Protein backbone atom coordinates (compact mmCIF):
# COMPACT_ATOMS: atom_id res chain seq x y z
CA MET A 1 -7.73 1.32 -60.68
CA ALA A 2 -4.65 3.50 -60.80
CA ALA A 3 -4.51 3.63 -56.99
CA THR A 4 -4.66 -0.18 -56.74
CA LYS A 5 -1.87 -0.54 -59.27
CA LEU A 6 0.21 2.02 -57.38
CA VAL A 7 -0.05 -0.01 -54.17
CA ALA A 8 1.00 -3.14 -56.08
CA LEU A 9 4.04 -1.31 -57.41
CA LEU A 10 4.91 -0.05 -53.94
CA LEU A 11 4.74 -3.58 -52.56
CA GLN A 12 7.09 -4.79 -55.31
CA ALA A 13 9.44 -1.94 -54.47
CA LEU A 14 9.48 -2.99 -50.83
CA ILE A 15 10.30 -6.57 -51.82
CA LEU A 16 13.17 -5.29 -53.96
CA LEU A 17 14.60 -3.31 -51.06
CA SER A 18 14.18 -6.23 -48.66
CA VAL A 19 16.39 -8.64 -50.59
CA GLN A 20 19.84 -8.99 -49.08
CA GLU A 21 21.66 -11.53 -51.23
CA LEU A 22 21.07 -12.05 -54.97
CA ASP A 23 22.94 -13.79 -57.74
CA GLU A 24 24.23 -11.67 -60.66
CA ASP A 25 21.53 -12.65 -63.21
CA THR A 26 18.72 -12.07 -60.72
CA TRP A 27 20.21 -8.73 -59.71
CA GLU A 28 20.39 -7.54 -63.34
CA HIS A 29 16.80 -8.65 -63.91
CA MET A 30 15.60 -6.80 -60.81
CA GLN A 31 17.51 -3.66 -61.78
CA GLN A 32 15.77 -3.72 -65.16
CA ARG A 33 12.42 -4.29 -63.43
CA GLU A 34 13.15 -1.39 -61.09
CA LYS A 35 13.64 0.94 -64.05
CA GLU A 36 10.34 -0.21 -65.52
CA MET A 37 8.64 0.33 -62.16
CA ASP A 38 10.12 3.83 -61.96
CA GLN A 39 8.58 4.69 -65.30
CA GLU A 40 5.20 3.16 -64.43
CA MET A 41 5.09 4.87 -61.04
CA ALA A 42 6.00 8.23 -62.58
CA GLN A 43 3.19 7.86 -65.10
CA LEU A 44 0.70 6.88 -62.41
CA LEU A 45 1.61 9.79 -60.16
CA GLU A 46 1.41 12.19 -63.07
CA LYS A 47 -2.01 10.80 -64.00
CA MET A 48 -3.28 11.11 -60.43
CA GLU A 49 -1.85 14.63 -60.22
CA ARG A 50 -3.80 15.71 -63.30
CA ARG A 51 -7.05 14.07 -62.18
CA SER A 52 -7.30 15.15 -58.58
CA GLN A 53 -4.70 17.88 -58.01
CA LEU A 54 -2.86 15.79 -55.45
CA PRO A 55 -1.43 18.36 -52.97
CA MET A 56 -4.65 20.40 -52.60
CA PHE A 57 -6.79 17.25 -52.38
CA LEU A 58 -4.69 15.69 -49.66
CA GLN A 59 -4.55 18.87 -47.59
CA GLN A 60 -8.34 19.05 -47.69
CA ARG A 61 -8.68 15.38 -46.66
CA LEU A 62 -6.28 15.86 -43.74
CA GLN A 63 -8.43 18.73 -42.41
CA GLU A 64 -11.83 17.08 -42.90
CA GLN A 65 -11.15 13.42 -42.06
CA THR A 66 -9.73 12.03 -38.83
CA ILE A 67 -7.35 9.14 -38.73
CA MET A 68 -10.09 6.73 -37.64
CA ASP A 69 -12.42 7.29 -40.61
CA TYR A 70 -11.13 4.74 -43.06
CA GLN A 71 -13.04 2.87 -45.76
CA PRO A 72 -11.69 0.10 -48.05
CA VAL A 73 -9.92 1.23 -51.22
CA LEU A 74 -10.09 4.94 -50.29
CA PHE A 75 -7.19 7.25 -50.93
CA ALA A 76 -6.54 7.50 -47.17
CA ASP A 77 -5.34 3.89 -47.29
CA ILE A 78 -2.92 4.83 -50.05
CA VAL A 79 -1.56 7.70 -47.95
CA VAL A 80 -1.00 5.49 -44.91
CA SER A 81 0.62 2.80 -47.06
CA LEU A 82 2.93 5.37 -48.64
CA VAL A 83 3.89 6.73 -45.23
CA LEU A 84 4.77 3.32 -43.88
CA LEU A 85 6.56 2.30 -47.06
CA PHE A 86 8.76 5.38 -46.86
CA ARG A 87 9.69 4.59 -43.26
CA LEU A 88 10.30 0.92 -43.98
CA CYS A 89 12.37 1.63 -47.07
CA TRP A 90 14.52 4.04 -45.09
CA TRP A 91 14.96 1.49 -42.30
CA ILE A 92 15.81 -1.37 -44.67
CA THR A 93 18.25 0.77 -46.68
CA LYS A 94 19.97 1.92 -43.50
CA SER A 95 20.26 -1.69 -42.29
CA ARG A 96 21.85 -2.72 -45.59
CA LEU A 97 24.33 0.17 -45.45
CA ASP A 98 25.22 -0.74 -41.85
CA MET A 99 25.70 -4.37 -42.92
CA SER A 100 28.01 -3.34 -45.76
CA THR A 101 30.05 -1.22 -43.36
CA ASP A 102 30.36 -4.14 -40.94
CA VAL A 103 31.52 -6.45 -43.74
CA GLU A 104 34.21 -3.95 -44.75
CA LYS A 105 35.40 -3.70 -41.16
CA GLU A 106 35.49 -7.50 -40.81
CA GLU A 107 37.59 -7.75 -43.98
CA ALA A 108 39.94 -5.14 -42.52
CA GLY A 109 40.33 -7.22 -39.36
CA ILE A 110 38.27 -4.96 -37.10
CA ASP A 111 36.24 -6.61 -34.33
CA ILE A 112 32.67 -5.39 -34.89
CA ASP A 113 31.14 -7.22 -31.92
CA GLY A 114 31.76 -4.34 -29.54
CA LEU A 115 30.90 -1.44 -31.88
CA GLU A 116 28.41 1.16 -30.65
CA ASP A 117 26.17 0.92 -33.72
CA LYS A 118 25.64 -2.86 -33.60
CA LYS A 119 22.30 -2.71 -31.80
CA SER A 120 20.05 -5.54 -32.89
CA ILE A 121 17.33 -7.75 -31.49
CA GLU A 122 19.79 -10.65 -31.48
CA MET A 123 22.14 -8.71 -29.18
CA VAL A 124 19.33 -7.95 -26.73
CA ILE A 125 18.25 -11.59 -26.72
CA SER A 126 21.84 -12.75 -26.26
CA ARG A 127 22.30 -10.47 -23.28
CA GLY A 128 18.98 -11.69 -21.93
CA GLN A 129 20.35 -15.22 -21.90
CA VAL A 130 23.37 -14.02 -19.94
CA VAL A 131 21.11 -12.22 -17.46
CA LYS A 132 18.85 -15.25 -17.06
CA LYS A 133 21.76 -17.60 -16.36
CA LEU A 134 23.30 -15.14 -13.88
CA VAL A 135 20.06 -14.67 -11.93
CA ASP A 136 19.44 -18.44 -11.97
CA HIS A 137 22.76 -18.96 -10.21
CA PHE A 138 21.98 -16.27 -7.65
CA VAL A 139 18.52 -17.67 -6.86
CA GLN A 140 20.01 -21.15 -6.45
CA LEU A 141 22.49 -19.68 -3.96
CA LEU A 142 19.62 -18.09 -2.02
CA GLN A 143 17.65 -21.34 -2.09
CA GLU A 144 20.45 -23.03 -0.17
CA ARG A 145 20.70 -20.18 2.33
CA LEU A 146 16.96 -20.03 2.94
CA SER A 147 16.37 -23.78 3.25
CA ASN A 148 14.78 -24.82 6.56
CA THR A 149 13.65 -21.25 7.27
CA SER A 150 10.14 -19.81 7.43
CA PHE A 151 10.76 -17.39 4.57
CA PRO A 152 9.24 -17.81 1.09
CA VAL A 153 10.73 -20.51 -1.13
CA LEU A 154 12.23 -18.86 -4.22
CA GLN A 155 11.71 -20.54 -7.59
CA LEU A 156 13.91 -20.08 -10.66
CA PRO A 157 13.06 -16.79 -12.41
CA ILE A 158 11.08 -16.51 -15.64
CA GLY A 159 12.23 -13.96 -18.23
CA VAL A 160 9.27 -11.79 -19.29
CA GLY A 161 8.63 -8.52 -21.10
CA SER A 162 9.79 -7.13 -24.45
CA ALA A 163 13.50 -7.86 -23.94
CA PHE A 164 12.80 -11.59 -23.57
CA GLU A 165 9.99 -11.61 -26.16
CA GLY A 166 12.37 -10.23 -28.80
CA TRP A 167 10.99 -6.77 -29.60
CA CYS A 168 12.54 -4.51 -26.98
CA PRO A 169 11.78 -0.90 -27.99
CA HIS A 170 15.05 0.23 -26.42
CA GLU A 171 18.52 -0.43 -27.72
CA LYS A 172 20.76 -3.00 -26.08
CA ASP A 173 22.36 -0.55 -23.63
CA ASP A 174 19.01 0.79 -22.43
CA ALA A 175 17.10 -2.50 -22.31
CA VAL A 176 15.62 -3.49 -18.94
CA TYR A 177 15.56 -7.26 -18.45
CA GLN A 178 12.53 -8.12 -16.38
CA LEU A 179 12.34 -11.41 -14.52
CA LEU A 180 9.47 -12.81 -12.48
CA VAL A 181 10.60 -14.75 -9.40
CA PRO A 182 7.81 -17.14 -8.26
CA LEU A 183 7.32 -17.49 -4.50
CA LYS A 184 6.00 -20.57 -2.74
CA ALA A 185 4.93 -20.85 0.87
CA PRO A 186 7.50 -22.47 3.19
CA ALA A 187 6.72 -25.54 5.26
CA GLY A 188 4.14 -24.77 7.90
CA TYR A 189 2.47 -21.99 5.91
CA THR A 190 0.09 -21.68 3.01
CA PHE A 191 -0.71 -18.85 0.60
CA CYS A 192 -4.43 -18.21 0.16
CA LEU A 193 -5.16 -16.03 -2.85
CA GLU A 194 -8.07 -13.65 -2.43
CA LEU A 195 -8.75 -12.62 -6.01
CA GLY A 196 -12.01 -10.82 -5.40
CA VAL A 197 -13.52 -9.42 -8.58
CA LEU A 198 -11.10 -9.51 -11.49
CA GLY A 199 -10.26 -6.06 -12.78
CA GLN A 200 -11.52 -4.19 -9.74
CA THR A 201 -10.28 -0.73 -8.82
CA PRO A 202 -6.87 -0.16 -7.16
CA GLY A 203 -6.94 -0.42 -3.39
CA HIS A 204 -9.47 -3.25 -3.47
CA GLY A 205 -7.55 -5.69 -5.62
CA PRO A 206 -6.17 -9.20 -5.03
CA ARG A 207 -4.38 -10.03 -1.80
CA ILE A 208 -2.39 -13.01 -0.51
CA ARG A 209 -3.37 -14.18 2.97
CA VAL A 210 -0.70 -16.15 4.83
CA GLU A 211 -2.07 -18.89 7.05
CA LEU A 212 -0.49 -21.51 9.29
CA GLU A 213 -0.75 -25.05 7.96
CA CYS A 214 -0.84 -28.24 9.98
CA THR A 215 2.31 -30.28 9.33
CA CYS A 216 1.84 -32.97 11.97
CA GLY A 217 3.33 -36.24 10.79
CA THR A 218 4.98 -34.72 7.72
CA GLN A 219 8.21 -33.43 9.22
CA LYS A 220 10.39 -33.69 12.34
CA MET A 221 9.98 -30.06 13.43
CA ARG A 222 7.06 -28.93 15.58
CA CYS A 223 3.81 -28.00 13.84
CA PHE A 224 3.24 -24.25 14.11
CA ALA A 225 -0.52 -24.57 13.79
CA CYS A 226 -1.12 -27.22 16.46
CA ASN A 227 1.43 -26.44 19.16
CA THR A 228 0.78 -23.86 21.88
CA LYS A 229 2.44 -20.44 21.97
CA LYS A 230 4.48 -21.61 24.99
CA GLN A 231 5.91 -24.55 23.08
CA LEU A 232 6.73 -22.26 20.18
CA GLY A 233 8.10 -19.44 22.29
CA TRP A 234 11.59 -20.04 20.90
CA ARG A 235 10.18 -19.36 17.46
CA LYS A 236 9.18 -15.80 18.35
CA ARG A 237 12.81 -14.84 18.80
CA ALA A 238 13.59 -15.66 15.17
CA PRO A 239 12.18 -13.76 12.16
CA SER A 240 9.24 -15.51 10.54
CA LEU A 241 7.20 -15.07 7.40
CA ARG A 242 4.20 -13.50 9.14
CA THR A 243 6.20 -11.17 11.39
CA ALA A 244 8.77 -10.03 8.79
CA LEU A 245 6.93 -9.98 5.45
CA CYS A 246 3.24 -9.56 6.26
CA SER A 247 0.88 -6.78 7.30
CA ASN A 248 -2.24 -7.98 9.13
CA SER A 249 -1.59 -11.55 7.93
CA TYR A 250 -1.37 -10.45 4.27
CA LEU A 251 1.84 -10.74 2.25
CA ASP A 252 3.25 -7.23 1.85
CA ALA A 253 4.85 -6.52 -1.55
CA ALA A 254 6.97 -3.65 -0.22
CA LYS A 255 8.33 -5.77 2.63
CA VAL A 256 9.09 -8.64 0.24
CA ALA A 257 10.98 -6.25 -2.05
CA ARG A 258 13.05 -4.80 0.82
CA TRP A 259 13.78 -8.32 2.11
CA PHE A 260 15.06 -9.46 -1.27
CA GLN A 261 17.10 -6.29 -1.77
CA GLY A 262 18.81 -7.00 1.53
CA LEU A 263 19.56 -10.57 0.40
CA VAL A 264 21.25 -9.22 -2.74
CA LYS A 265 23.51 -6.90 -0.76
CA GLU A 266 24.51 -9.68 1.64
CA ALA A 267 24.77 -12.69 -0.67
CA TRP A 268 26.14 -11.27 -3.94
CA VAL A 269 29.73 -11.41 -2.63
CA ALA A 270 29.39 -15.21 -2.44
CA MET A 271 28.57 -15.45 -6.16
CA PRO A 272 31.30 -16.94 -8.41
CA GLN A 273 30.61 -14.05 -10.83
CA ALA A 274 30.99 -11.39 -8.11
CA ASP A 275 34.44 -10.46 -9.43
CA GLN A 276 33.11 -10.10 -12.98
CA TYR A 277 30.07 -7.95 -12.18
CA LYS A 278 29.68 -5.11 -9.73
CA VAL A 279 26.11 -4.90 -8.45
CA LYS A 280 24.20 -1.78 -7.46
CA VAL A 281 20.75 -2.01 -5.89
CA LEU A 282 18.58 0.84 -7.18
CA PRO A 283 15.65 2.28 -5.18
CA SER A 284 12.41 0.41 -5.79
CA PHE A 285 9.18 0.13 -3.81
CA SER A 286 7.76 -3.22 -4.93
CA SER A 287 10.50 -4.92 -6.98
CA CYS A 288 14.27 -5.28 -7.03
CA HIS A 289 16.13 -3.12 -9.56
CA LEU A 290 19.74 -4.12 -10.12
CA GLN A 291 22.42 -2.51 -12.21
CA LEU A 292 25.26 -4.86 -13.10
CA THR A 293 28.51 -3.48 -14.50
CA SER A 294 30.99 -5.92 -16.03
CA ASP A 295 34.77 -5.57 -16.08
CA SER A 296 34.54 -4.36 -19.69
CA GLY A 297 32.09 -1.62 -18.74
CA THR A 298 28.94 -3.29 -20.08
CA VAL A 299 25.90 -2.27 -18.04
CA LEU A 300 22.96 -4.63 -17.56
CA ASN A 301 19.73 -3.33 -16.04
CA LEU A 302 17.54 -5.90 -14.30
CA GLU A 303 14.16 -5.72 -12.63
CA MET A 304 13.05 -8.66 -10.53
CA ILE A 305 9.40 -8.78 -9.59
CA PHE A 306 7.85 -11.37 -7.30
CA GLY A 307 4.77 -13.44 -7.96
CA VAL A 308 2.53 -16.12 -6.53
CA GLN A 309 1.06 -18.49 -9.12
CA GLN A 310 -2.70 -18.92 -9.45
CA GLY A 311 -3.00 -22.69 -9.18
CA ASP A 312 -1.29 -24.38 -12.12
CA THR A 313 -2.06 -21.56 -14.58
CA ASP A 314 0.25 -19.07 -16.32
CA ILE A 315 -1.28 -16.18 -14.36
CA PHE A 316 0.42 -14.75 -11.28
CA LEU A 317 -0.28 -12.20 -8.61
CA SER A 318 2.81 -10.01 -8.78
CA SER A 319 4.39 -7.39 -6.56
CA GLN A 320 4.68 -4.98 -9.48
CA THR A 321 2.03 -2.33 -8.95
CA ALA A 322 1.07 0.85 -10.74
CA GLU A 323 2.81 4.02 -9.60
CA ASP A 324 -0.01 4.84 -7.23
CA THR A 325 0.92 5.84 -3.70
CA TYR A 326 -2.67 5.28 -2.57
CA THR A 327 -2.63 1.55 -3.34
CA PRO A 328 -1.83 -0.50 -0.19
CA SER A 329 1.29 -2.63 -0.44
CA THR A 330 -0.80 -5.68 0.51
CA VAL A 331 -2.61 -5.39 -2.83
CA TRP A 332 -0.93 -7.41 -5.56
CA THR A 333 -1.42 -7.17 -9.32
CA GLU A 334 -2.75 -9.74 -11.77
CA ASN A 335 0.21 -10.43 -14.04
CA TYR A 336 -0.13 -12.01 -17.50
CA ALA A 337 3.51 -11.63 -18.59
CA VAL A 338 4.26 -15.38 -18.54
CA ALA A 339 1.20 -16.14 -20.68
CA GLU A 340 2.18 -13.32 -23.06
CA ARG A 341 5.66 -14.69 -23.54
CA LYS A 342 4.27 -18.17 -24.20
CA PHE A 343 1.93 -16.64 -26.78
CA PHE A 344 4.84 -14.97 -28.60
CA SER A 345 6.83 -18.21 -28.49
CA HIS A 346 3.87 -20.03 -30.02
CA ILE A 347 3.52 -17.42 -32.77
CA ALA A 348 7.23 -17.66 -33.59
CA THR A 349 6.71 -21.32 -34.52
CA GLN A 350 3.76 -20.48 -36.76
CA VAL A 351 4.72 -17.28 -38.59
CA PRO A 352 6.83 -17.65 -41.77
CA GLY A 353 10.34 -16.62 -40.78
CA GLY A 354 9.27 -16.38 -37.13
CA THR A 355 10.12 -12.70 -36.61
CA ILE A 356 7.98 -10.48 -38.84
CA HIS A 357 5.57 -9.69 -35.98
CA LEU A 358 8.54 -8.71 -33.80
CA ARG A 359 9.86 -6.38 -36.50
CA CYS A 360 6.41 -4.85 -36.78
CA LEU A 361 6.27 -4.29 -33.02
CA LYS A 362 9.76 -2.81 -32.86
CA LEU A 363 9.15 -0.41 -35.75
CA TRP A 364 5.86 0.83 -34.33
CA SER A 365 7.34 1.20 -30.84
CA HIS A 366 9.89 3.63 -32.28
CA ILE A 367 7.28 5.52 -34.31
CA LEU A 368 4.96 5.89 -31.29
CA GLU A 369 7.74 6.74 -28.85
CA SER A 370 6.79 10.44 -28.73
CA THR A 371 3.11 9.73 -28.01
CA ASP A 372 1.13 8.73 -24.92
CA ILE A 373 0.41 5.30 -26.43
CA SER A 374 2.30 2.88 -24.21
CA PRO A 375 4.29 -0.12 -25.44
CA TYR A 376 1.80 -2.39 -23.66
CA ILE A 377 -1.13 -0.89 -25.59
CA LEU A 378 0.81 -1.45 -28.83
CA LYS A 379 1.64 -4.99 -27.74
CA THR A 380 -2.03 -5.74 -27.01
CA VAL A 381 -3.06 -4.41 -30.44
CA VAL A 382 -0.52 -6.65 -32.18
CA MET A 383 -1.54 -9.70 -30.13
CA HIS A 384 -5.17 -9.19 -31.19
CA LEU A 385 -4.10 -8.95 -34.84
CA LEU A 386 -1.89 -12.05 -34.52
CA ASN A 387 -4.87 -13.91 -33.14
CA THR A 388 -7.15 -12.71 -35.97
CA ILE A 389 -5.12 -12.47 -39.19
CA PRO A 390 -3.98 -15.85 -40.61
CA VAL A 391 -0.35 -16.55 -39.74
CA SER A 392 0.41 -17.07 -43.44
CA ASP A 393 -0.23 -13.35 -43.95
CA TRP A 394 2.52 -12.43 -41.45
CA CYS A 395 5.24 -12.90 -44.04
CA ARG A 396 8.10 -10.62 -44.99
CA GLU A 397 6.44 -9.42 -48.18
CA ARG A 398 3.39 -8.15 -46.28
CA LEU A 399 5.19 -6.27 -43.51
CA PHE A 400 3.95 -2.80 -44.46
CA VAL A 401 0.38 -4.13 -44.90
CA ARG A 402 0.49 -5.43 -41.33
CA MET A 403 1.90 -2.05 -40.23
CA VAL A 404 -1.16 -0.40 -41.74
CA ASP A 405 -3.39 -2.91 -39.91
CA VAL A 406 -1.83 -1.84 -36.60
CA LEU A 407 -2.57 1.82 -37.32
CA ARG A 408 -6.16 1.06 -38.36
CA PHE A 409 -6.87 -1.11 -35.33
CA LEU A 410 -5.35 1.40 -32.93
CA GLY A 411 -7.30 4.24 -34.52
CA CYS A 412 -10.59 2.33 -34.29
CA CYS A 413 -9.95 1.53 -30.63
CA LEU A 414 -9.28 5.19 -29.84
CA LYS A 415 -12.46 6.19 -31.64
CA ALA A 416 -14.51 3.62 -29.70
CA LYS A 417 -12.57 4.30 -26.47
CA LYS A 418 -12.26 0.54 -26.08
CA LEU A 419 -9.37 -1.92 -26.27
CA SER A 420 -10.13 -5.34 -24.80
CA HIS A 421 -7.56 -7.08 -22.63
CA PHE A 422 -6.13 -9.92 -24.70
CA PHE A 423 -6.84 -12.76 -22.26
CA PHE A 424 -10.33 -11.78 -21.06
CA GLY A 425 -13.16 -13.49 -22.91
CA ASN A 426 -10.76 -14.71 -25.62
CA THR A 427 -11.71 -18.24 -26.67
CA ASN A 428 -9.14 -18.46 -29.47
CA MET A 429 -6.09 -19.26 -27.37
CA PRO A 430 -3.19 -21.69 -28.05
CA LYS A 431 -3.58 -24.84 -25.97
CA GLU A 432 -0.13 -24.47 -24.38
CA ILE A 433 -1.27 -21.32 -22.56
CA ILE A 434 -3.00 -22.29 -19.32
CA LEU A 435 -5.54 -19.73 -18.11
CA PRO A 436 -8.05 -19.77 -15.25
CA SER A 437 -11.40 -20.98 -16.58
CA VAL A 438 -13.05 -17.81 -15.31
CA LEU A 439 -11.09 -15.69 -17.82
CA GLU A 440 -12.67 -17.38 -20.86
CA SER A 441 -16.17 -16.48 -19.75
CA SER A 442 -15.27 -13.13 -18.19
CA ARG A 443 -16.41 -9.85 -19.62
CA PRO A 444 -13.49 -8.28 -21.54
CA ARG A 445 -11.58 -5.70 -19.56
CA ASN A 446 -11.25 -2.34 -21.33
CA LEU A 447 -7.65 -1.08 -21.32
CA PHE A 448 -8.96 2.28 -22.56
CA HIS A 449 -11.32 2.68 -19.62
CA HIS A 450 -9.39 5.77 -18.54
CA LEU A 451 -10.26 7.44 -21.86
CA VAL A 452 -13.96 7.06 -21.04
CA GLN A 453 -13.46 8.79 -17.71
CA ASN A 454 -11.01 11.37 -19.07
CA PRO A 455 -12.13 12.76 -22.47
CA SER A 456 -9.20 15.15 -22.62
CA ALA A 457 -6.78 12.19 -22.52
CA ARG A 458 -8.57 10.64 -25.50
CA ILE A 459 -8.51 13.93 -27.44
CA LYS A 460 -4.79 14.23 -26.74
CA ALA A 461 -4.09 10.64 -27.90
CA VAL A 462 -6.09 11.14 -31.10
CA LYS A 463 -4.37 14.45 -31.79
CA GLN A 464 -0.95 12.87 -31.29
CA LEU A 465 -1.81 10.11 -33.75
CA GLN A 466 -3.14 12.64 -36.28
CA GLU A 467 -0.03 14.81 -35.96
CA LEU A 468 2.18 11.77 -36.31
CA GLN A 469 0.40 10.73 -39.50
CA TYR A 470 0.61 14.27 -40.88
CA GLU A 471 4.34 14.58 -40.12
CA LEU A 472 5.05 11.22 -41.70
CA PHE A 473 2.96 12.09 -44.75
CA MET A 474 4.64 15.46 -45.29
CA GLY A 475 8.03 13.79 -45.21
CA LEU A 476 6.76 11.28 -47.75
CA HIS A 477 5.13 13.94 -49.95
CA TYR A 478 8.34 15.85 -50.48
CA SER A 479 10.42 12.68 -50.84
CA TYR A 480 8.25 10.97 -53.44
CA VAL A 481 6.16 13.55 -55.28
CA GLU A 482 9.02 16.03 -55.63
CA ARG A 483 11.28 13.21 -56.85
CA TRP A 484 8.84 12.17 -59.60
CA SER A 485 8.17 15.78 -60.66
CA GLN A 486 11.81 16.41 -61.54
């Protein structure tokens, strides 16, 4: 009973710290309520200290119980909640102090837009819009240059990844803006997607076969498929899709990347913004990494990957491959980034306030930064929770509860060595996301499959999560218990 009341008080404390603007009467009332809560919390902690000898009890629980062994209304839940509350309170307090400092600087006539410490999600999104518009212009320029050639037809890029979804784990200066550039076959060619078995091992994955297509009666130029080699002899002297960008009639991701990188070096000087941004092409095997530096010194990091759409769905085969030198460059990767961004856009229209899930993602990405748990694993966990927990429960007042849910879900997945891919076998999907019908009936793909094959990797991940919880708890223990004991 005392533990339940303590959690309720903690939640009220979080709400108090989350409020940014209050009228004078409300502020006085909340200050009075805060004093009452201080007294009640002190009494509760003192009572729990007498009953269970808090420090010794918790040390014993940390040694005997792993992070995955949780039961409802156990004291472990209280510990996790306290840990997260401490972190959230610190983050919210810091944000309010930074806001007060910015207001003072504005009143003093200081321009705060360019300050080093103004690193927010809004800034990353704003820069993403600049990047998107800039790359749109460049692709349109290339479309004109490549018209009437036998090279792939470039489509306008699609912003994907955390920077465009609104939860980039990096700050604005370190954010990498990822854009997917769809490719379509030029006239006279067709792309045949050989998907094989979804989720198969690297080296035997999807490929894109390039075939000649009969164009008789559809255009003035000769049909490549029907005319003889002698009639098309002139064509051999000019670069073509199959000779320049394919290996054994299959589209080669590495060749496509090098081709596009060459286009950037040649065509960027013709851009109207060429005087405003200096471009540097960074080494990349299967994508195009660009570093743009503006006149003011602002650096924008871009990664353009290339993809071929699967029919009219939101799934692509992309050139972005795992860092595996043994995977042939003719093997492309199933890419769900467009569907993921559409899912986050859908959630933003449903969740109260529209951003609480993004704040949850961003906070956890910072907390897990020192572990082997990747941002994509975290993202998948949150997507599963968003698809399970009612959207009404993703409100500001329940932020730390949702943070606890993330930790629980992640811990359970590590224990079971199983985390299902979000789009495989998932029948609860927003209607605006278009998926291949085979995905709905497919067996879920396990993103933790490597943990089954490599037990030491699982042990390491669990240990990292346990150590992280312990470090967070110890910081909380001395911040809260010592405070109330004075």
